[in-house]
Amino acid sequence: MENDKYALLKSEVQEIIDLIAAKNAKDANNKLVDVSEQLDDMLDTSDEDEDLIEISKYQVLLNQLHQKIVALNGSI
């Protein structure tokens, strides 16, 4: 179960990366917001150190992707 949610996150982050590569900033930003909300929910319900570490890695990655989206579109 745990691996499934991280596999889903990984595929959704890859979708964001693909949208950025296609220079589709609006859809990339919308997907990033959705994934960020999922991470926030996971953070609220998680108490295992391993989960918190994994979630924080995704949060850092999403912040970097957000910077790429902003650079791509000027600002959103």
PDB file of N, CA and C in Angstrom:
ATOM      1  N   MET A   1       0.829  -1.202   0.000  1.00  0.00           N
ATOM      2  CA  MET A   1       0.000   0.000   0.000  1.00  0.00           C
ATOM      3  C   MET A   1       0.865   1.255   0.000  1.00  0.00           C
ATOM      4  N   GLU A   2       1.865   1.277   0.863  1.00  0.00           N
ATOM      5  CA  GLU A   2       2.743   2.442   0.941  1.00  0.00           C
ATOM      6  C   GLU A   2       3.449   2.678  -0.390  1.00  0.00           C
ATOM      7  N   ASN A   3       3.941   1.607  -0.990  1.00  0.00           N
ATOM      8  CA  ASN A   3       4.641   1.735  -2.268  1.00  0.00           C
ATOM      9  C   ASN A   3       3.707   2.213  -3.363  1.00  0.00           C
ATOM     10  N   ASP A   4       2.435   1.822  -3.273  1.00  0.00           N
ATOM     11  CA  ASP A   4       1.461   2.242  -4.273  1.00  0.00           C
ATOM     12  C   ASP A   4       1.275   3.753  -4.271  1.00  0.00           C
ATOM     13  N   LYS A   5       1.161   4.355  -3.089  1.00  0.00           N
ATOM     14  CA  LYS A   5       0.942   5.804  -3.048  1.00  0.00           C
ATOM     15  C   LYS A   5       2.178   6.558  -3.533  1.00  0.00           C
ATOM     16  N   TYR A   6       3.367   6.026  -3.266  1.00  0.00           N
ATOM     17  CA  TYR A   6       4.565   6.684  -3.767  1.00  0.00           C
ATOM     18  C   TYR A   6       4.734   6.454  -5.267  1.00  0.00           C
ATOM     19  N   ALA A   7       4.298   5.303  -5.754  1.00  0.00           N
ATOM     20  CA  ALA A   7       4.334   5.052  -7.205  1.00  0.00           C
ATOM     21  C   ALA A   7       3.388   6.010  -7.908  1.00  0.00           C
ATOM     22  N   LEU A   8       2.216   6.250  -7.325  1.00  0.00           N
ATOM     23  CA  LEU A   8       1.266   7.197  -7.900  1.00  0.00           C
ATOM     24  C   LEU A   8       1.850   8.609  -7.884  1.00  0.00           C
ATOM     25  N   LEU A   9       2.461   8.994  -6.775  1.00  0.00           N
ATOM     26  CA  LEU A   9       3.096  10.313  -6.703  1.00  0.00           C
ATOM     27  C   LEU A   9       4.173  10.457  -7.765  1.00  0.00           C
ATOM     28  N   LYS A  10       4.977   9.415  -7.906  1.00  0.00           N
ATOM     29  CA  LYS A  10       6.057   9.445  -8.894  1.00  0.00           C
ATOM     30  C   LYS A  10       5.508   9.655 -10.296  1.00  0.00           C
ATOM     31  N   SER A  11       4.427   8.958 -10.634  1.00  0.00           N
ATOM     32  CA  SER A  11       3.860   9.105 -11.978  1.00  0.00           C
ATOM     33  C   SER A  11       3.238  10.495 -12.166  1.00  0.00           C
ATOM     34  N   GLU A  12       2.649  11.037 -11.117  1.00  0.00           N
ATOM     35  CA  GLU A  12       2.067  12.376 -11.230  1.00  0.00           C
ATOM     36  C   GLU A  12       3.143  13.444 -11.347  1.00  0.00           C
ATOM     37  N   VAL A  13       4.248  13.274 -10.633  1.00  0.00           N
ATOM     38  CA  VAL A  13       5.366  14.208 -10.763  1.00  0.00           C
ATOM     39  C   VAL A  13       5.952  14.111 -12.170  1.00  0.00           C
ATOM     40  N   GLN A  14       6.037  12.897 -12.704  1.00  0.00           N
ATOM     41  CA  GLN A  14       6.530  12.731 -14.073  1.00  0.00           C
ATOM     42  C   GLN A  14       5.618  13.432 -15.066  1.00  0.00           C
ATOM     43  N   GLU A  15       4.321  13.401 -14.794  1.00  0.00           N
ATOM     44  CA  GLU A  15       3.371  14.102 -15.658  1.00  0.00           C
ATOM     45  C   GLU A  15       3.636  15.609 -15.637  1.00  0.00           C
ATOM     46  N   ILE A  16       3.946  16.143 -14.463  1.00  0.00           N
ATOM     47  CA  ILE A  16       4.288  17.570 -14.355  1.00  0.00           C
ATOM     48  C   ILE A  16       5.538  17.867 -15.185  1.00  0.00           C
ATOM     49  N   ILE A  17       6.535  17.022 -15.064  1.00  0.00           N
ATOM     50  CA  ILE A  17       7.785  17.207 -15.810  1.00  0.00           C
ATOM     51  C   ILE A  17       7.517  17.162 -17.309  1.00  0.00           C
ATOM     52  N   ASP A  18       6.676  16.231 -17.741  1.00  0.00           N
ATOM     53  CA  ASP A  18       6.333  16.120 -19.161  1.00  0.00           C
ATOM     54  C   ASP A  18       5.606  17.373 -19.650  1.00  0.00           C
ATOM     55  N   LEU A  19       4.711  17.908 -18.827  1.00  0.00           N
ATOM     56  CA  LEU A  19       3.996  19.134 -19.200  1.00  0.00           C
ATOM     57  C   LEU A  19       4.953  20.323 -19.305  1.00  0.00           C
ATOM     58  N   ILE A  20       5.926  20.381 -18.398  1.00  0.00           N
ATOM     59  CA  ILE A  20       6.928  21.446 -18.473  1.00  0.00           C
ATOM     60  C   ILE A  20       7.740  21.302 -19.759  1.00  0.00           C
ATOM     61  N   ALA A  21       8.130  20.076 -20.079  1.00  0.00           N
ATOM     62  CA  ALA A  21       8.904  19.834 -21.300  1.00  0.00           C
ATOM     63  C   ALA A  21       8.109  20.225 -22.543  1.00  0.00           C
ATOM     64  N   ALA A  22       6.787  20.060 -22.476  1.00  0.00           N
ATOM     65  CA  ALA A  22       5.925  20.432 -23.597  1.00  0.00           C
ATOM     66  C   ALA A  22       5.568  21.922 -23.567  1.00  0.00           C
ATOM     67  N   LYS A  23       6.156  22.633 -22.612  1.00  0.00           N
ATOM     68  CA  LYS A  23       5.936  24.080 -22.442  1.00  0.00           C
ATOM     69  C   LYS A  23       4.462  24.409 -22.190  1.00  0.00           C
ATOM     70  N   ASN A  24       3.803  23.536 -21.452  1.00  0.00           N
ATOM     71  CA  ASN A  24       2.404  23.715 -21.084  1.00  0.00           C
ATOM     72  C   ASN A  24       2.356  24.131 -19.606  1.00  0.00           C
ATOM     73  N   ALA A  25       2.671  25.391 -19.355  1.00  0.00           N
ATOM     74  CA  ALA A  25       2.831  25.887 -17.989  1.00  0.00           C
ATOM     75  C   ALA A  25       1.523  25.856 -17.208  1.00  0.00           C
ATOM     76  N   LYS A  26       0.422  26.176 -17.859  1.00  0.00           N
ATOM     77  CA  LYS A  26      -0.855  26.235 -17.143  1.00  0.00           C
ATOM     78  C   LYS A  26      -1.252  24.862 -16.607  1.00  0.00           C
ATOM     79  N   ASP A  27      -1.228  23.847 -17.465  1.00  0.00           N
ATOM     80  CA  ASP A  27      -1.592  22.499 -17.015  1.00  0.00           C
ATOM     81  C   ASP A  27      -0.571  21.948 -16.016  1.00  0.00           C
ATOM     82  N   ALA A  28       0.698  22.267 -16.225  1.00  0.00           N
ATOM     83  CA  ALA A  28       1.730  21.827 -15.283  1.00  0.00           C
ATOM     84  C   ALA A  28       1.481  22.428 -13.911  1.00  0.00           C
ATOM     85  N   ASN A  29       1.132  23.700 -13.873  1.00  0.00           N
ATOM     86  CA  ASN A  29       0.872  24.355 -12.594  1.00  0.00           C
ATOM     87  C   ASN A  29      -0.367  23.765 -11.924  1.00  0.00           C
ATOM     88  N   ASN A  30      -1.413  23.512 -12.706  1.00  0.00           N
ATOM     89  CA  ASN A  30      -2.630  22.915 -12.141  1.00  0.00           C
ATOM     90  C   ASN A  30      -2.335  21.541 -11.545  1.00  0.00           C
ATOM     91  N   LYS A  31      -1.560  20.740 -12.256  1.00  0.00           N
ATOM     92  CA  LYS A  31      -1.203  19.406 -11.755  1.00  0.00           C
ATOM     93  C   LYS A  31      -0.333  19.525 -10.513  1.00  0.00           C
ATOM     94  N   LEU A  32       0.580  20.499 -10.499  1.00  0.00           N
ATOM     95  CA  LEU A  32       1.445  20.708  -9.351  1.00  0.00           C
ATOM     96  C   LEU A  32       0.624  21.058  -8.112  1.00  0.00           C
ATOM     97  N   VAL A  33      -0.392  21.875  -8.279  1.00  0.00           N
ATOM     98  CA  VAL A  33      -1.261  22.234  -7.150  1.00  0.00           C
ATOM     99  C   VAL A  33      -1.968  20.990  -6.619  1.00  0.00           C
ATOM    100  N   ASP A  34      -2.469  20.144  -7.514  1.00  0.00           N
ATOM    101  CA  ASP A  34      -3.145  18.913  -7.098  1.00  0.00           C
ATOM    102  C   ASP A  34      -2.204  18.001  -6.307  1.00  0.00           C
ATOM    103  N   VAL A  35      -0.995  17.830  -6.816  1.00  0.00           N
ATOM    104  CA  VAL A  35      -0.032  16.954  -6.148  1.00  0.00           C
ATOM    105  C   VAL A  35       0.392  17.562  -4.812  1.00  0.00           C
ATOM    106  N   SER A  36       0.532  18.867  -4.758  1.00  0.00           N
ATOM    107  CA  SER A  36       0.889  19.529  -3.499  1.00  0.00           C
ATOM    108  C   SER A  36      -0.180  19.300  -2.439  1.00  0.00           C
ATOM    109  N   GLU A  37      -1.439  19.351  -2.844  1.00  0.00           N
ATOM    110  CA  GLU A  37      -2.534  19.089  -1.906  1.00  0.00           C
ATOM    111  C   GLU A  37      -2.500  17.650  -1.409  1.00  0.00           C
ATOM    112  N   GLN A  38      -2.186  16.730  -2.306  1.00  0.00           N
ATOM    113  CA  GLN A  38      -2.054  15.325  -1.898  1.00  0.00           C
ATOM    114  C   GLN A  38      -0.940  15.156  -0.871  1.00  0.00           C
ATOM    115  N   LEU A  39       0.185  15.816  -1.125  1.00  0.00           N
ATOM    116  CA  LEU A  39       1.304  15.739  -0.184  1.00  0.00           C
ATOM    117  C   LEU A  39       0.933  16.330   1.170  1.00  0.00           C
ATOM    118  N   ASP A  40       0.202  17.435   1.153  1.00  0.00           N
ATOM    119  CA  ASP A  40      -0.236  18.045   2.410  1.00  0.00           C
ATOM    120  C   ASP A  40      -1.125  17.086   3.193  1.00  0.00           C
ATOM    121  N   ASP A  41      -2.032  16.407   2.495  1.00  0.00           N
ATOM    122  CA  ASP A  41      -2.898  15.427   3.153  1.00  0.00           C
ATOM    123  C   ASP A  41      -2.078  14.278   3.736  1.00  0.00           C
ATOM    124  N   MET A  42      -1.092  13.809   2.967  1.00  0.00           N
ATOM    125  CA  MET A  42      -0.234  12.731   3.449  1.00  0.00           C
ATOM    126  C   MET A  42       0.551  13.180   4.669  1.00  0.00           C
ATOM    127  N   LEU A  43       1.021  14.407   4.637  1.00  0.00           N
ATOM    128  CA  LEU A  43       1.788  14.947   5.751  1.00  0.00           C
ATOM    129  C   LEU A  43       0.936  15.034   7.007  1.00  0.00           C
ATOM    130  N   ASP A  44      -0.320  15.421   6.843  1.00  0.00           N
ATOM    131  CA  ASP A  44      -1.225  15.548   7.987  1.00  0.00           C
ATOM    132  C   ASP A  44      -1.542  14.204   8.636  1.00  0.00           C
ATOM    133  N   THR A  45      -1.542  13.139   7.856  1.00  0.00           N
ATOM    134  CA  THR A  45      -1.946  11.837   8.377  1.00  0.00           C
ATOM    135  C   THR A  45      -0.779  10.908   8.671  1.00  0.00           C
ATOM    136  N   SER A  46       0.432  11.326   8.412  1.00  0.00           N
ATOM    137  CA  SER A  46       1.589  10.455   8.577  1.00  0.00           C
ATOM    138  C   SER A  46       2.319  10.772   9.870  1.00  0.00           C
ATOM    139  N   ASP A  47       2.790   9.717  10.525  1.00  0.00           N
ATOM    140  CA  ASP A  47       3.602   9.916  11.722  1.00  0.00           C
ATOM    141  C   ASP A  47       4.886   9.086  11.704  1.00  0.00           C
ATOM    142  N   GLU A  48       5.087   8.354  10.647  1.00  0.00           N
ATOM    143  CA  GLU A  48       6.308   7.560  10.494  1.00  0.00           C
ATOM    144  C   GLU A  48       7.429   8.434   9.936  1.00  0.00           C
ATOM    145  N   ASP A  49       8.609   8.323  10.529  1.00  0.00           N
ATOM    146  CA  ASP A  49       9.747   9.127  10.080  1.00  0.00           C
ATOM    147  C   ASP A  49      10.068   8.883   8.605  1.00  0.00           C
ATOM    148  N   GLU A  50       9.993   7.618   8.174  1.00  0.00           N
ATOM    149  CA  GLU A  50      10.317   7.289   6.789  1.00  0.00           C
ATOM    150  C   GLU A  50       9.353   7.992   5.830  1.00  0.00           C
ATOM    151  N   ASP A  51       8.075   8.017   6.192  1.00  0.00           N
ATOM    152  CA  ASP A  51       7.090   8.706   5.357  1.00  0.00           C
ATOM    153  C   ASP A  51       7.351  10.204   5.326  1.00  0.00           C
ATOM    154  N   LEU A  52       7.664  10.774   6.464  1.00  0.00           N
ATOM    155  CA  LEU A  52       7.917  12.214   6.520  1.00  0.00           C
ATOM    156  C   LEU A  52       9.131  12.599   5.680  1.00  0.00           C
ATOM    157  N   ILE A  53      10.141  11.757   5.687  1.00  0.00           N
ATOM    158  CA  ILE A  53      11.342  12.010   4.880  1.00  0.00           C
ATOM    159  C   ILE A  53      10.995  11.937   3.394  1.00  0.00           C
ATOM    160  N   GLU A  54      10.243  10.916   3.018  1.00  0.00           N
ATOM    161  CA  GLU A  54       9.856  10.753   1.604  1.00  0.00           C
ATOM    162  C   GLU A  54       8.982  11.921   1.139  1.00  0.00           C
ATOM    163  N   ILE A  55       8.042  12.321   1.974  1.00  0.00           N
ATOM    164  CA  ILE A  55       7.159  13.441   1.637  1.00  0.00           C
ATOM    165  C   ILE A  55       7.968  14.721   1.474  1.00  0.00           C
ATOM    166  N   SER A  56       8.941  14.933   2.354  1.00  0.00           N
ATOM    167  CA  SER A  56       9.749  16.156   2.255  1.00  0.00           C
ATOM    168  C   SER A  56      10.572  16.171   0.972  1.00  0.00           C
ATOM    169  N   LYS A  57      11.015  15.013   0.498  1.00  0.00           N
ATOM    170  CA  LYS A  57      11.741  14.942  -0.772  1.00  0.00           C
ATOM    171  C   LYS A  57      10.852  15.400  -1.921  1.00  0.00           C
ATOM    172  N   TYR A  58       9.609  14.932  -1.900  1.00  0.00           N
ATOM    173  CA  TYR A  58       8.665  15.337  -2.949  1.00  0.00           C
ATOM    174  C   TYR A  58       8.339  16.826  -2.856  1.00  0.00           C
ATOM    175  N   GLN A  59       8.261  17.360  -1.643  1.00  0.00           N
ATOM    176  CA  GLN A  59       7.978  18.784  -1.486  1.00  0.00           C
ATOM    177  C   GLN A  59       9.104  19.631  -2.075  1.00  0.00           C
ATOM    178  N   VAL A  60      10.334  19.224  -1.844  1.00  0.00           N
ATOM    179  CA  VAL A  60      11.484  19.939  -2.411  1.00  0.00           C
ATOM    180  C   VAL A  60      11.442  19.869  -3.942  1.00  0.00           C
ATOM    181  N   LEU A  61      11.149  18.688  -4.463  1.00  0.00           N
ATOM    182  CA  LEU A  61      11.058  18.520  -5.920  1.00  0.00           C
ATOM    183  C   LEU A  61       9.958  19.397  -6.499  1.00  0.00           C
ATOM    184  N   LEU A  62       8.797  19.437  -5.846  1.00  0.00           N
ATOM    185  CA  LEU A  62       7.698  20.265  -6.337  1.00  0.00           C
ATOM    186  C   LEU A  62       8.059  21.744  -6.305  1.00  0.00           C
ATOM    187  N   ASN A  63       8.798  22.176  -5.291  1.00  0.00           N
ATOM    188  CA  ASN A  63       9.247  23.571  -5.251  1.00  0.00           C
ATOM    189  C   ASN A  63      10.156  23.890  -6.433  1.00  0.00           C
ATOM    190  N   GLN A  64      11.048  22.967  -6.764  1.00  0.00           N
ATOM    191  CA  GLN A  64      11.935  23.177  -7.905  1.00  0.00           C
ATOM    192  C   GLN A  64      11.146  23.191  -9.213  1.00  0.00           C
ATOM    193  N   LEU A  65      10.158  22.308  -9.323  1.00  0.00           N
ATOM    194  CA  LEU A  65       9.336  22.288 -10.530  1.00  0.00           C
ATOM    195  C   LEU A  65       8.506  23.561 -10.646  1.00  0.00           C
ATOM    196  N   HIS A  66       8.038  24.077  -9.523  1.00  0.00           N
ATOM    197  CA  HIS A  66       7.287  25.335  -9.548  1.00  0.00           C
ATOM    198  C   HIS A  66       8.161  26.469 -10.076  1.00  0.00           C
ATOM    199  N   GLN A  67       9.410  26.501  -9.665  1.00  0.00           N
ATOM    200  CA  GLN A  67      10.336  27.523 -10.167  1.00  0.00           C
ATOM    201  C   GLN A  67      10.514  27.386 -11.679  1.00  0.00           C
ATOM    202  N   LYS A  68      10.572  26.163 -12.178  1.00  0.00           N
ATOM    203  CA  LYS A  68      10.687  25.945 -13.625  1.00  0.00           C
ATOM    204  C   LYS A  68       9.439  26.441 -14.350  1.00  0.00           C
ATOM    205  N   ILE A  69       8.274  26.190 -13.758  1.00  0.00           N
ATOM    206  CA  ILE A  69       7.018  26.623 -14.370  1.00  0.00           C
ATOM    207  C   ILE A  69       6.968  28.147 -14.424  1.00  0.00           C
ATOM    208  N   VAL A  70       7.343  28.784 -13.340  1.00  0.00           N
ATOM    209  CA  VAL A  70       7.341  30.245 -13.301  1.00  0.00           C
ATOM    210  C   VAL A  70       8.321  30.804 -14.334  1.00  0.00           C
ATOM    211  N   ALA A  71       9.489  30.202 -14.444  1.00  0.00           N
ATOM    212  CA  ALA A  71      10.469  30.646 -15.434  1.00  0.00           C
ATOM    213  C   ALA A  71       9.956  30.439 -16.858  1.00  0.00           C
ATOM    214  N   LEU A  72       9.178  29.380 -17.054  1.00  0.00           N
ATOM    215  CA  LEU A  72       8.643  29.065 -18.367  1.00  0.00           C
ATOM    216  C   LEU A  72       7.591  30.072 -18.797  1.00  0.00           C
ATOM    217  N   ASN A  73       6.789  30.499 -17.868  1.00  0.00           N
ATOM    218  CA  ASN A  73       5.636  31.341 -18.200  1.00  0.00           C
ATOM    219  C   ASN A  73       5.780  32.784 -17.722  1.00  0.00           C
ATOM    220  N   GLY A  74       6.866  33.112 -17.087  1.00  0.00           N
ATOM    221  CA  GLY A  74       7.015  34.456 -16.542  1.00  0.00           C
ATOM    222  C   GLY A  74       6.505  34.517 -15.118  1.00  0.00           C
ATOM    223  N   SER A  75       5.217  34.266 -14.944  1.00  0.00           N
ATOM    224  CA  SER A  75       4.615  34.132 -13.613  1.00  0.00           C
ATOM    225  C   SER A  75       3.221  33.570 -13.757  1.00  0.00           C
ATOM    226  N   ILE A  76       2.804  32.893 -12.716  1.00  0.00           N
ATOM    227  CA  ILE A  76       1.456  32.301 -12.738  1.00  0.00           C
ATOM    228  C   ILE A  76       0.716  32.772 -11.514  1.00  0.00           C
TER     229      ILE A  76
END
